[in-house]
Full PDB file with SEQRES, HELIX, SHEET, SSBOND, CRYST1, ORIGX, SCALE, CONECT and MASTER records, all heavy atoms in Angstrom:
SEQRES   1 A   36  ILE THR THR PHE ILE LEU LEU GLY LEU THR ASP ASP PRO          
SEQRES   2 A   36  GLU LEU GLN VAL LEU ILE PHE ILE PHE LEU PHE LEU THR          
SEQRES   3 A   36  TYR MET LEU SER VAL THR GLY ASN LEU ALA                      
HELIX    1 AA1 PRO A   13  LEU A   35  1                                  23    
CRYST1    1.000    1.000    1.000  90.00  90.00  90.00 P 1           1          
ORIGX1      1.000000  0.000000  0.000000        0.00000                         
ORIGX2      0.000000  1.000000  0.000000        0.00000                         
ORIGX3      0.000000  0.000000  1.000000        0.00000                         
SCALE1      1.000000  0.000000  0.000000        0.00000                         
SCALE2      0.000000  1.000000  0.000000        0.00000                         
SCALE3      0.000000  0.000000  1.000000        0.00000                         
ATOM      1  N   ILE A   1     -39.791  -0.480  -2.761  1.00  0.00           N  
ATOM      2  CA  ILE A   1     -38.706   0.311  -3.356  1.00  0.00           C  
ATOM      3  C   ILE A   1     -39.312   1.355  -4.285  1.00  0.00           C  
ATOM      4  O   ILE A   1     -40.090   1.033  -5.196  1.00  0.00           O  
ATOM      5  CB  ILE A   1     -37.713  -0.603  -4.119  1.00  0.00           C  
ATOM      6  CG1 ILE A   1     -36.824  -1.328  -3.116  1.00  0.00           C  
ATOM      7  CG2 ILE A   1     -36.867   0.197  -5.103  1.00  0.00           C  
ATOM      8  CD1 ILE A   1     -35.851  -2.295  -3.724  1.00  0.00           C  
ATOM      9  N   THR A   2     -39.000   2.606  -4.026  1.00  0.00           N  
ATOM     10  CA  THR A   2     -39.570   3.702  -4.836  1.00  0.00           C  
ATOM     11  C   THR A   2     -38.527   4.393  -5.705  1.00  0.00           C  
ATOM     12  O   THR A   2     -38.869   5.232  -6.519  1.00  0.00           O  
ATOM     13  CB  THR A   2     -40.219   4.765  -3.912  1.00  0.00           C  
ATOM     14  OG1 THR A   2     -39.241   5.208  -2.968  1.00  0.00           O  
ATOM     15  CG2 THR A   2     -41.420   4.178  -3.181  1.00  0.00           C  
ATOM     16  N   THR A   3     -37.259   4.031  -5.514  1.00  0.00           N  
ATOM     17  CA  THR A   3     -36.178   4.630  -6.324  1.00  0.00           C  
ATOM     18  C   THR A   3     -35.180   3.564  -6.757  1.00  0.00           C  
ATOM     19  O   THR A   3     -35.035   2.520  -6.104  1.00  0.00           O  
ATOM     20  CB  THR A   3     -35.411   5.718  -5.540  1.00  0.00           C  
ATOM     21  OG1 THR A   3     -34.861   5.127  -4.360  1.00  0.00           O  
ATOM     22  CG2 THR A   3     -36.313   6.887  -5.184  1.00  0.00           C  
ATOM     23  N   PHE A   4     -34.504   3.831  -7.874  1.00  0.00           N  
ATOM     24  CA  PHE A   4     -33.417   2.980  -8.351  1.00  0.00           C  
ATOM     25  C   PHE A   4     -32.154   3.828  -8.477  1.00  0.00           C  
ATOM     26  O   PHE A   4     -32.218   5.050  -8.567  1.00  0.00           O  
ATOM     27  CB  PHE A   4     -33.757   2.385  -9.720  1.00  0.00           C  
ATOM     28  CG  PHE A   4     -34.928   1.451  -9.706  1.00  0.00           C  
ATOM     29  CD1 PHE A   4     -36.149   1.838 -10.234  1.00  0.00           C  
ATOM     30  CD2 PHE A   4     -34.815   0.174  -9.177  1.00  0.00           C  
ATOM     31  CE1 PHE A   4     -37.245   0.987 -10.223  1.00  0.00           C  
ATOM     32  CE2 PHE A   4     -35.894  -0.697  -9.163  1.00  0.00           C  
ATOM     33  CZ  PHE A   4     -37.115  -0.288  -9.683  1.00  0.00           C  
ATOM     34  N   ILE A   5     -31.023   3.152  -8.503  1.00  0.00           N  
ATOM     35  CA  ILE A   5     -29.739   3.830  -8.720  1.00  0.00           C  
ATOM     36  C   ILE A   5     -29.163   3.336 -10.038  1.00  0.00           C  
ATOM     37  O   ILE A   5     -28.946   2.131 -10.227  1.00  0.00           O  
ATOM     38  CB  ILE A   5     -28.753   3.547  -7.565  1.00  0.00           C  
ATOM     39  CG1 ILE A   5     -29.302   4.113  -6.254  1.00  0.00           C  
ATOM     40  CG2 ILE A   5     -27.378   4.154  -7.865  1.00  0.00           C  
ATOM     41  CD1 ILE A   5     -28.565   3.650  -5.025  1.00  0.00           C  
ATOM     42  N   LEU A   6     -28.928   4.249 -10.981  1.00  0.00           N  
ATOM     43  CA  LEU A   6     -28.353   3.912 -12.287  1.00  0.00           C  
ATOM     44  C   LEU A   6     -26.834   4.016 -12.195  1.00  0.00           C  
ATOM     45  O   LEU A   6     -26.287   5.101 -11.979  1.00  0.00           O  
ATOM     46  CB  LEU A   6     -28.887   4.859 -13.363  1.00  0.00           C  
ATOM     47  CG  LEU A   6     -30.386   4.780 -13.665  1.00  0.00           C  
ATOM     48  CD1 LEU A   6     -30.826   5.957 -14.517  1.00  0.00           C  
ATOM     49  CD2 LEU A   6     -30.731   3.471 -14.369  1.00  0.00           C  
ATOM     50  N   LEU A   7     -26.138   2.896 -12.361  1.00  0.00           N  
ATOM     51  CA  LEU A   7     -24.676   2.896 -12.237  1.00  0.00           C  
ATOM     52  C   LEU A   7     -23.987   3.656 -13.359  1.00  0.00           C  
ATOM     53  O   LEU A   7     -22.893   4.188 -13.178  1.00  0.00           O  
ATOM     54  CB  LEU A   7     -24.153   1.455 -12.189  1.00  0.00           C  
ATOM     55  CG  LEU A   7     -24.407   0.669 -10.906  1.00  0.00           C  
ATOM     56  CD1 LEU A   7     -23.741  -0.695 -10.997  1.00  0.00           C  
ATOM     57  CD2 LEU A   7     -23.900   1.423  -9.684  1.00  0.00           C  
ATOM     58  N   GLY A   8     -24.619   3.689 -14.537  1.00  0.00           N  
ATOM     59  CA  GLY A   8     -23.996   4.363 -15.684  1.00  0.00           C  
ATOM     60  C   GLY A   8     -22.939   3.494 -16.338  1.00  0.00           C  
ATOM     61  O   GLY A   8     -22.955   2.268 -16.203  1.00  0.00           O  
ATOM     62  N   LEU A   9     -21.985   4.125 -17.019  1.00  0.00           N  
ATOM     63  CA  LEU A   9     -20.944   3.380 -17.732  1.00  0.00           C  
ATOM     64  C   LEU A   9     -19.663   3.227 -16.933  1.00  0.00           C  
ATOM     65  O   LEU A   9     -18.962   2.236 -17.043  1.00  0.00           O  
ATOM     66  CB  LEU A   9     -20.631   4.070 -19.068  1.00  0.00           C  
ATOM     67  CG  LEU A   9     -21.745   4.063 -20.114  1.00  0.00           C  
ATOM     68  CD1 LEU A   9     -21.353   4.906 -21.310  1.00  0.00           C  
ATOM     69  CD2 LEU A   9     -22.056   2.645 -20.572  1.00  0.00           C  
ATOM     70  N   THR A  10     -19.327   4.255 -16.143  1.00  0.00           N  
ATOM     71  CA  THR A  10     -18.078   4.224 -15.383  1.00  0.00           C  
ATOM     72  C   THR A  10     -18.151   5.172 -14.181  1.00  0.00           C  
ATOM     73  O   THR A  10     -18.941   6.110 -14.176  1.00  0.00           O  
ATOM     74  CB  THR A  10     -16.896   4.640 -16.289  1.00  0.00           C  
ATOM     75  OG1 THR A  10     -15.688   4.624 -15.522  1.00  0.00           O  
ATOM     76  CG2 THR A  10     -17.092   6.037 -16.867  1.00  0.00           C  
ATOM     77  N   ASP A  11     -17.292   4.883 -13.190  1.00  0.00           N  
ATOM     78  CA  ASP A  11     -17.175   5.768 -12.027  1.00  0.00           C  
ATOM     79  C   ASP A  11     -15.951   6.678 -12.131  1.00  0.00           C  
ATOM     80  O   ASP A  11     -15.752   7.552 -11.281  1.00  0.00           O  
ATOM     81  CB  ASP A  11     -17.074   4.938 -10.739  1.00  0.00           C  
ATOM     82  CG  ASP A  11     -18.404   4.294 -10.374  1.00  0.00           C  
ATOM     83  OD1 ASP A  11     -19.442   4.927 -10.627  1.00  0.00           O  
ATOM     84  OD2 ASP A  11     -18.391   3.167  -9.855  1.00  0.00           O  
ATOM     85  N   ASP A  12     -15.145   6.455 -13.151  1.00  0.00           N  
ATOM     86  CA  ASP A  12     -13.934   7.259 -13.347  1.00  0.00           C  
ATOM     87  C   ASP A  12     -14.317   8.700 -13.729  1.00  0.00           C  
ATOM     88  O   ASP A  12     -14.929   8.908 -14.787  1.00  0.00           O  
ATOM     89  CB  ASP A  12     -13.081   6.629 -14.453  1.00  0.00           C  
ATOM     90  CG  ASP A  12     -11.724   7.292 -14.588  1.00  0.00           C  
ATOM     91  OD1 ASP A  12     -11.617   8.514 -14.321  1.00  0.00           O  
ATOM     92  OD2 ASP A  12     -10.765   6.602 -14.966  1.00  0.00           O  
ATOM     93  N   PRO A  13     -13.979   9.715 -12.910  1.00  0.00           N  
ATOM     94  CA  PRO A  13     -14.359  11.111 -13.187  1.00  0.00           C  
ATOM     95  C   PRO A  13     -13.853  11.634 -14.537  1.00  0.00           C  
ATOM     96  O   PRO A  13     -14.571  12.356 -15.236  1.00  0.00           O  
ATOM     97  CB  PRO A  13     -13.729  11.903 -12.033  1.00  0.00           C  
ATOM     98  CG  PRO A  13     -13.527  10.899 -10.953  1.00  0.00           C  
ATOM     99  CD  PRO A  13     -13.238   9.606 -11.641  1.00  0.00           C  
ATOM    100  N   GLU A  14     -12.622  11.264 -14.906  1.00  0.00           N  
ATOM    101  CA  GLU A  14     -12.055  11.725 -16.184  1.00  0.00           C  
ATOM    102  C   GLU A  14     -12.807  11.131 -17.367  1.00  0.00           C  
ATOM    103  O   GLU A  14     -13.096  11.827 -18.349  1.00  0.00           O  
ATOM    104  CB  GLU A  14     -10.570  11.363 -16.260  1.00  0.00           C  
ATOM    105  CG  GLU A  14      -9.702  12.164 -15.282  1.00  0.00           C  
ATOM    106  CD  GLU A  14      -8.234  11.811 -15.395  1.00  0.00           C  
ATOM    107  OE1 GLU A  14      -7.885  10.957 -16.241  1.00  0.00           O  
ATOM    108  OE2 GLU A  14      -7.435  12.398 -14.633  1.00  0.00           O  
ATOM    109  N   LEU A  15     -13.110   9.840 -17.257  1.00  0.00           N  
ATOM    110  CA  LEU A  15     -13.875   9.188 -18.321  1.00  0.00           C  
ATOM    111  C   LEU A  15     -15.282   9.759 -18.402  1.00  0.00           C  
ATOM    112  O   LEU A  15     -15.839   9.908 -19.502  1.00  0.00           O  
ATOM    113  CB  LEU A  15     -13.951   7.680 -18.081  1.00  0.00           C  
ATOM    114  CG  LEU A  15     -12.852   6.810 -18.702  1.00  0.00           C  
ATOM    115  CD1 LEU A  15     -13.042   5.361 -18.301  1.00  0.00           C  
ATOM    116  CD2 LEU A  15     -12.824   6.943 -20.219  1.00  0.00           C  
ATOM    117  N   GLN A  16     -15.859  10.076 -17.256  1.00  0.00           N  
ATOM    118  CA  GLN A  16     -17.199  10.653 -17.229  1.00  0.00           C  
ATOM    119  C   GLN A  16     -17.250  11.995 -17.954  1.00  0.00           C  
ATOM    120  O   GLN A  16     -18.225  12.290 -18.658  1.00  0.00           O  
ATOM    121  CB  GLN A  16     -17.674  10.831 -15.784  1.00  0.00           C  
ATOM    122  CG  GLN A  16     -18.139   9.540 -15.145  1.00  0.00           C  
ATOM    123  CD  GLN A  16     -18.753   9.759 -13.784  1.00  0.00           C  
ATOM    124  OE1 GLN A  16     -18.512  10.766 -13.131  1.00  0.00           O  
ATOM    125  NE2 GLN A  16     -19.562   8.812 -13.335  1.00  0.00           N  
ATOM    126  N   VAL A  17     -16.208  12.796 -17.810  1.00  0.00           N  
ATOM    127  CA  VAL A  17     -16.118  14.093 -18.511  1.00  0.00           C  
ATOM    128  C   VAL A  17     -16.091  13.862 -20.022  1.00  0.00           C  
ATOM    129  O   VAL A  17     -16.813  14.525 -20.784  1.00  0.00           O  
ATOM    130  CB  VAL A  17     -14.874  14.888 -18.059  1.00  0.00           C  
ATOM    131  CG1 VAL A  17     -14.677  16.117 -18.943  1.00  0.00           C  
ATOM    132  CG2 VAL A  17     -15.008  15.312 -16.608  1.00  0.00           C  
ATOM    133  N   LEU A  18     -15.266  12.903 -20.448  1.00  0.00           N  
ATOM    134  CA  LEU A  18     -15.161  12.588 -21.882  1.00  0.00           C  
ATOM    135  C   LEU A  18     -16.492  12.068 -22.426  1.00  0.00           C  
ATOM    136  O   LEU A  18     -16.925  12.455 -23.506  1.00  0.00           O  
ATOM    137  CB  LEU A  18     -14.056  11.551 -22.124  1.00  0.00           C  
ATOM    138  CG  LEU A  18     -12.619  12.021 -21.917  1.00  0.00           C  
ATOM    139  CD1 LEU A  18     -11.648  10.853 -22.054  1.00  0.00           C  
ATOM    140  CD2 LEU A  18     -12.253  13.125 -22.913  1.00  0.00           C  
ATOM    141  N   ILE A  19     -17.131  11.182 -21.654  1.00  0.00           N  
ATOM    142  CA  ILE A  19     -18.434  10.624 -22.062  1.00  0.00           C  
ATOM    143  C   ILE A  19     -19.477  11.734 -22.149  1.00  0.00           C  
ATOM    144  O   ILE A  19     -20.276  11.774 -23.091  1.00  0.00           O  
ATOM    145  CB  ILE A  19     -18.886   9.519 -21.084  1.00  0.00           C  
ATOM    146  CG1 ILE A  19     -18.010   8.284 -21.240  1.00  0.00           C  
ATOM    147  CG2 ILE A  19     -20.346   9.151 -21.327  1.00  0.00           C  
ATOM    148  CD1 ILE A  19     -18.203   7.245 -20.158  1.00  0.00           C  
ATOM    149  N   PHE A  20     -19.460  12.642 -21.170  1.00  0.00           N  
ATOM    150  CA  PHE A  20     -20.421  13.752 -21.161  1.00  0.00           C  
ATOM    151  C   PHE A  20     -20.259  14.619 -22.408  1.00  0.00           C  
ATOM    152  O   PHE A  20     -21.255  14.942 -23.086  1.00  0.00           O  
ATOM    153  CB  PHE A  20     -20.238  14.615 -19.910  1.00  0.00           C  
ATOM    154  CG  PHE A  20     -21.218  15.753 -19.813  1.00  0.00           C  
ATOM    155  CD1 PHE A  20     -22.449  15.570 -19.203  1.00  0.00           C  
ATOM    156  CD2 PHE A  20     -20.933  17.001 -20.363  1.00  0.00           C  
ATOM    157  CE1 PHE A  20     -23.371  16.614 -19.121  1.00  0.00           C  
ATOM    158  CE2 PHE A  20     -21.851  18.045 -20.295  1.00  0.00           C  
ATOM    159  CZ  PHE A  20     -23.069  17.849 -19.669  1.00  0.00           C  
ATOM    160  N   ILE A  21     -19.020  15.003 -22.728  1.00  0.00           N  
ATOM    161  CA  ILE A  21     -18.752  15.845 -23.910  1.00  0.00           C  
ATOM    162  C   ILE A  21     -19.177  15.124 -25.178  1.00  0.00           C  
ATOM    163  O   ILE A  21     -19.851  15.697 -26.053  1.00  0.00           O  
ATOM    164  CB  ILE A  21     -17.250  16.230 -23.981  1.00  0.00           C  
ATOM    165  CG1 ILE A  21     -16.880  17.141 -22.804  1.00  0.00           C  
ATOM    166  CG2 ILE A  21     -16.932  16.929 -25.303  1.00  0.00           C  
ATOM    167  CD1 ILE A  21     -15.391  17.330 -22.619  1.00  0.00           C  
ATOM    168  N   PHE A  22     -18.801  13.829 -25.269  1.00  0.00           N  
ATOM    169  CA  PHE A  22     -19.134  13.016 -26.440  1.00  0.00           C  
ATOM    170  C   PHE A  22     -20.649  12.911 -26.627  1.00  0.00           C  
ATOM    171  O   PHE A  22     -21.180  13.158 -27.722  1.00  0.00           O  
ATOM    172  CB  PHE A  22     -18.520  11.626 -26.282  1.00  0.00           C  
ATOM    173  CG  PHE A  22     -18.982  10.625 -27.297  1.00  0.00           C  
ATOM    174  CD1 PHE A  22     -18.511  10.669 -28.600  1.00  0.00           C  
ATOM    175  CD2 PHE A  22     -19.904   9.634 -26.954  1.00  0.00           C  
ATOM    176  CE1 PHE A  22     -18.944   9.744 -29.544  1.00  0.00           C  
ATOM    177  CE2 PHE A  22     -20.343   8.717 -27.887  1.00  0.00           C  
ATOM    178  CZ  PHE A  22     -19.861   8.772 -29.186  1.00  0.00           C  
ATOM    179  N   LEU A  23     -21.362  12.579 -25.550  1.00  0.00           N  
ATOM    180  CA  LEU A  23     -22.817  12.408 -25.634  1.00  0.00           C  
ATOM    181  C   LEU A  23     -23.534  13.727 -25.890  1.00  0.00           C  
ATOM    182  O   LEU A  23     -24.522  13.771 -26.628  1.00  0.00           O  
ATOM    183  CB  LEU A  23     -23.355  11.762 -24.362  1.00  0.00           C  
ATOM    184  CG  LEU A  23     -23.043  10.281 -24.162  1.00  0.00           C  
ATOM    185  CD1 LEU A  23     -23.630   9.784 -22.852  1.00  0.00           C  
ATOM    186  CD2 LEU A  23     -23.568   9.452 -25.318  1.00  0.00           C  
ATOM    187  N   PHE A  24     -23.048  14.789 -25.272  1.00  0.00           N  
ATOM    188  CA  PHE A  24     -23.671  16.101 -25.476  1.00  0.00           C  
ATOM    189  C   PHE A  24     -23.555  16.527 -26.941  1.00  0.00           C  
ATOM    190  O   PHE A  24     -24.533  16.991 -27.540  1.00  0.00           O  
ATOM    191  CB  PHE A  24     -23.006  17.143 -24.572  1.00  0.00           C  
ATOM    192  CG  PHE A  24     -23.589  18.526 -24.721  1.00  0.00           C  
ATOM    193  CD1 PHE A  24     -24.821  18.840 -24.150  1.00  0.00           C  
ATOM    194  CD2 PHE A  24     -22.929  19.511 -25.460  1.00  0.00           C  
ATOM    195  CE1 PHE A  24     -25.369  20.104 -24.295  1.00  0.00           C  
ATOM    196  CE2 PHE A  24     -23.468  20.777 -25.614  1.00  0.00           C  
ATOM    197  CZ  PHE A  24     -24.699  21.074 -25.027  1.00  0.00           C  
ATOM    198  N   LEU A  25     -22.358  16.347 -27.523  1.00  0.00           N  
ATOM    199  CA  LEU A  25     -22.142  16.726 -28.927  1.00  0.00           C  
ATOM    200  C   LEU A  25     -22.979  15.861 -29.873  1.00  0.00           C  
ATOM    201  O   LEU A  25     -23.612  16.381 -30.799  1.00  0.00           O  
ATOM    202  CB  LEU A  25     -20.660  16.614 -29.292  1.00  0.00           C  
ATOM    203  CG  LEU A  25     -19.724  17.649 -28.652  1.00  0.00           C  
ATOM    204  CD1 LEU A  25     -18.271  17.343 -28.974  1.00  0.00           C  
ATOM    205  CD2 LEU A  25     -20.082  19.064 -29.116  1.00  0.00           C  
ATOM    206  N   THR A  26     -22.969  14.537 -29.640  1.00  0.00           N  
ATOM    207  CA  THR A  26     -23.744  13.650 -30.521  1.00  0.00           C  
ATOM    208  C   THR A  26     -25.241  13.916 -30.397  1.00  0.00           C  
ATOM    209  O   THR A  26     -25.974  13.860 -31.391  1.00  0.00           O  
ATOM    210  CB  THR A  26     -23.462  12.160 -30.214  1.00  0.00           C  
ATOM    211  OG1 THR A  26     -23.684  11.907 -28.820  1.00  0.00           O  
ATOM    212  CG2 THR A  26     -22.041  11.774 -30.593  1.00  0.00           C  
ATOM    213  N   TYR A  27     -25.690  14.217 -29.166  1.00  0.00           N  
ATOM    214  CA  TYR A  27     -27.114  14.504 -28.955  1.00  0.00           C  
ATOM    215  C   TYR A  27     -27.517  15.787 -29.686  1.00  0.00           C  
ATOM    216  O   TYR A  27     -28.552  15.823 -30.378  1.00  0.00           O  
ATOM    217  CB  TYR A  27     -27.413  14.634 -27.460  1.00  0.00           C  
ATOM    218  CG  TYR A  27     -28.853  15.010 -27.174  1.00  0.00           C  
ATOM    219  CD1 TYR A  27     -29.883  14.109 -27.408  1.00  0.00           C  
ATOM    220  CD2 TYR A  27     -29.178  16.281 -26.689  1.00  0.00           C  
ATOM    221  CE1 TYR A  27     -31.204  14.452 -27.156  1.00  0.00           C  
ATOM    222  CE2 TYR A  27     -30.502  16.627 -26.433  1.00  0.00           C  
ATOM    223  CZ  TYR A  27     -31.505  15.705 -26.666  1.00  0.00           C  
ATOM    224  OH  TYR A  27     -32.809  16.048 -26.437  1.00  0.00           O  
ATOM    225  N   MET A  28     -26.703  16.838 -29.564  1.00  0.00           N  
ATOM    226  CA  MET A  28     -27.007  18.107 -30.223  1.00  0.00           C  
ATOM    227  C   MET A  28     -26.987  17.954 -31.744  1.00  0.00           C  
ATOM    228  O   MET A  28     -27.848  18.495 -32.445  1.00  0.00           O  
ATOM    229  CB  MET A  28     -26.013  19.196 -29.793  1.00  0.00           C  
ATOM    230  CG  MET A  28     -26.133  19.603 -28.328  1.00  0.00           C  
ATOM    231  SD  MET A  28     -27.821  20.071 -27.838  1.00  0.00           S  
ATOM    232  CE  MET A  28     -28.072  21.544 -28.830  1.00  0.00           C  
ATOM    233  N   LEU A  29     -26.010  17.207 -32.258  1.00  0.00           N  
ATOM    234  CA  LEU A  29     -25.930  16.962 -33.705  1.00  0.00           C  
ATOM    235  C   LEU A  29     -27.133  16.154 -34.182  1.00  0.00           C  
ATOM    236  O   LEU A  29     -27.690  16.419 -35.253  1.00  0.00           O  
ATOM    237  CB  LEU A  29     -24.639  16.216 -34.050  1.00  0.00           C  
ATOM    238  CG  LEU A  29     -23.360  17.050 -34.086  1.00  0.00           C  
ATOM    239  CD1 LEU A  29     -22.136  16.143 -34.194  1.00  0.00           C  
ATOM    240  CD2 LEU A  29     -23.370  18.037 -35.256  1.00  0.00           C  
ATOM    241  N   SER A  30     -27.526  15.174 -33.392  1.00  0.00           N  
ATOM    242  CA  SER A  30     -28.673  14.332 -33.733  1.00  0.00           C  
ATOM    243  C   SER A  30     -29.961  15.143 -33.808  1.00  0.00           C  
ATOM    244  O   SER A  30     -30.709  15.063 -34.796  1.00  0.00           O  
ATOM    245  CB  SER A  30     -28.814  13.218 -32.701  1.00  0.00           C  
ATOM    246  OG  SER A  30     -29.990  12.483 -32.925  1.00  0.00           O  
ATOM    247  N   VAL A  31     -30.211  15.934 -32.772  1.00  0.00           N  
ATOM    248  CA  VAL A  31     -31.426  16.755 -32.721  1.00  0.00           C  
ATOM    249  C   VAL A  31     -31.415  17.799 -33.832  1.00  0.00           C  
ATOM    250  O   VAL A  31     -32.406  17.973 -34.555  1.00  0.00           O  
ATOM    251  CB  VAL A  31     -31.580  17.433 -31.337  1.00  0.00           C  
ATOM    252  CG1 VAL A  31     -32.727  18.436 -31.349  1.00  0.00           C  
ATOM    253  CG2 VAL A  31     -31.821  16.386 -30.259  1.00  0.00           C  
ATOM    254  N   THR A  32     -30.273  18.474 -34.007  1.00  0.00           N  
ATOM    255  CA  THR A  32     -30.161  19.517 -35.046  1.00  0.00           C  
ATOM    256  C   THR A  32     -30.340  18.925 -36.440  1.00  0.00           C  
ATOM    257  O   THR A  32     -31.084  19.474 -37.266  1.00  0.00           O  
ATOM    258  CB  THR A  32     -28.782  20.223 -34.954  1.00  0.00           C  
ATOM    259  OG1 THR A  32     -28.591  20.713 -33.628  1.00  0.00           O  
ATOM    260  CG2 THR A  32     -28.700  21.371 -35.944  1.00  0.00           C  
ATOM    261  N   GLY A  33     -29.651  17.815 -36.706  1.00  0.00           N  
ATOM    262  CA  GLY A  33     -29.723  17.178 -38.023  1.00  0.00           C  
ATOM    263  C   GLY A  33     -31.115  16.689 -38.367  1.00  0.00           C  
ATOM    264  O   GLY A  33     -31.627  16.926 -39.470  1.00  0.00           O  
ATOM    265  N   ASN A  34     -31.742  16.011 -37.421  1.00  0.00           N  
ATOM    266  CA  ASN A  34     -33.098  15.489 -37.670  1.00  0.00           C  
ATOM    267  C   ASN A  34     -34.141  16.596 -37.744  1.00  0.00           C  
ATOM    268  O   ASN A  34     -35.090  16.512 -38.529  1.00  0.00           O  
ATOM    269  CB  ASN A  34     -33.471  14.463 -36.595  1.00  0.00           C  
ATOM    270  CG  ASN A  34     -32.803  13.120 -36.814  1.00  0.00           C  
ATOM    271  OD1 ASN A  34     -33.105  12.409 -37.768  1.00  0.00           O  
ATOM    272  ND2 ASN A  34     -31.868  12.773 -35.944  1.00  0.00           N  
ATOM    273  N   LEU A  35     -33.950  17.651 -36.937  1.00  0.00           N  
ATOM    274  CA  LEU A  35     -34.851  18.815 -37.031  1.00  0.00           C  
ATOM    275  C   LEU A  35     -34.703  19.504 -38.386  1.00  0.00           C  
ATOM    276  O   LEU A  35     -35.689  19.995 -38.957  1.00  0.00           O  
ATOM    277  CB  LEU A  35     -34.550  19.808 -35.919  1.00  0.00           C  
ATOM    278  CG  LEU A  35     -35.285  19.619 -34.588  1.00  0.00           C  
ATOM    279  CD1 LEU A  35     -34.828  20.660 -33.571  1.00  0.00           C  
ATOM    280  CD2 LEU A  35     -36.804  19.699 -34.773  1.00  0.00           C  
ATOM    281  N   ALA A  36     -33.473  19.532 -38.894  1.00  0.00           N  
ATOM    282  CA  ALA A  36     -33.224  20.129 -40.215  1.00  0.00           C  
ATOM    283  C   ALA A  36     -33.990  19.372 -41.300  1.00  0.00           C  
ATOM    284  O   ALA A  36     -34.607  19.982 -42.185  1.00  0.00           O  
ATOM    285  CB  ALA A  36     -31.726  20.124 -40.526  1.00  0.00           C  
TER     286      ALA A  36                                                      
MASTER        0    0    0    1    0    0    0    6  285    1    0    3          
END                                                                             
């Protein structure tokens, strides 16, 4: 086996959009804050 499949948190497209926005914002705030 040379590859794996990551299931993630959910398959629901609407929830995935919310998770993406949430994670993107928290990631940017985290990087910006710690870089500051």
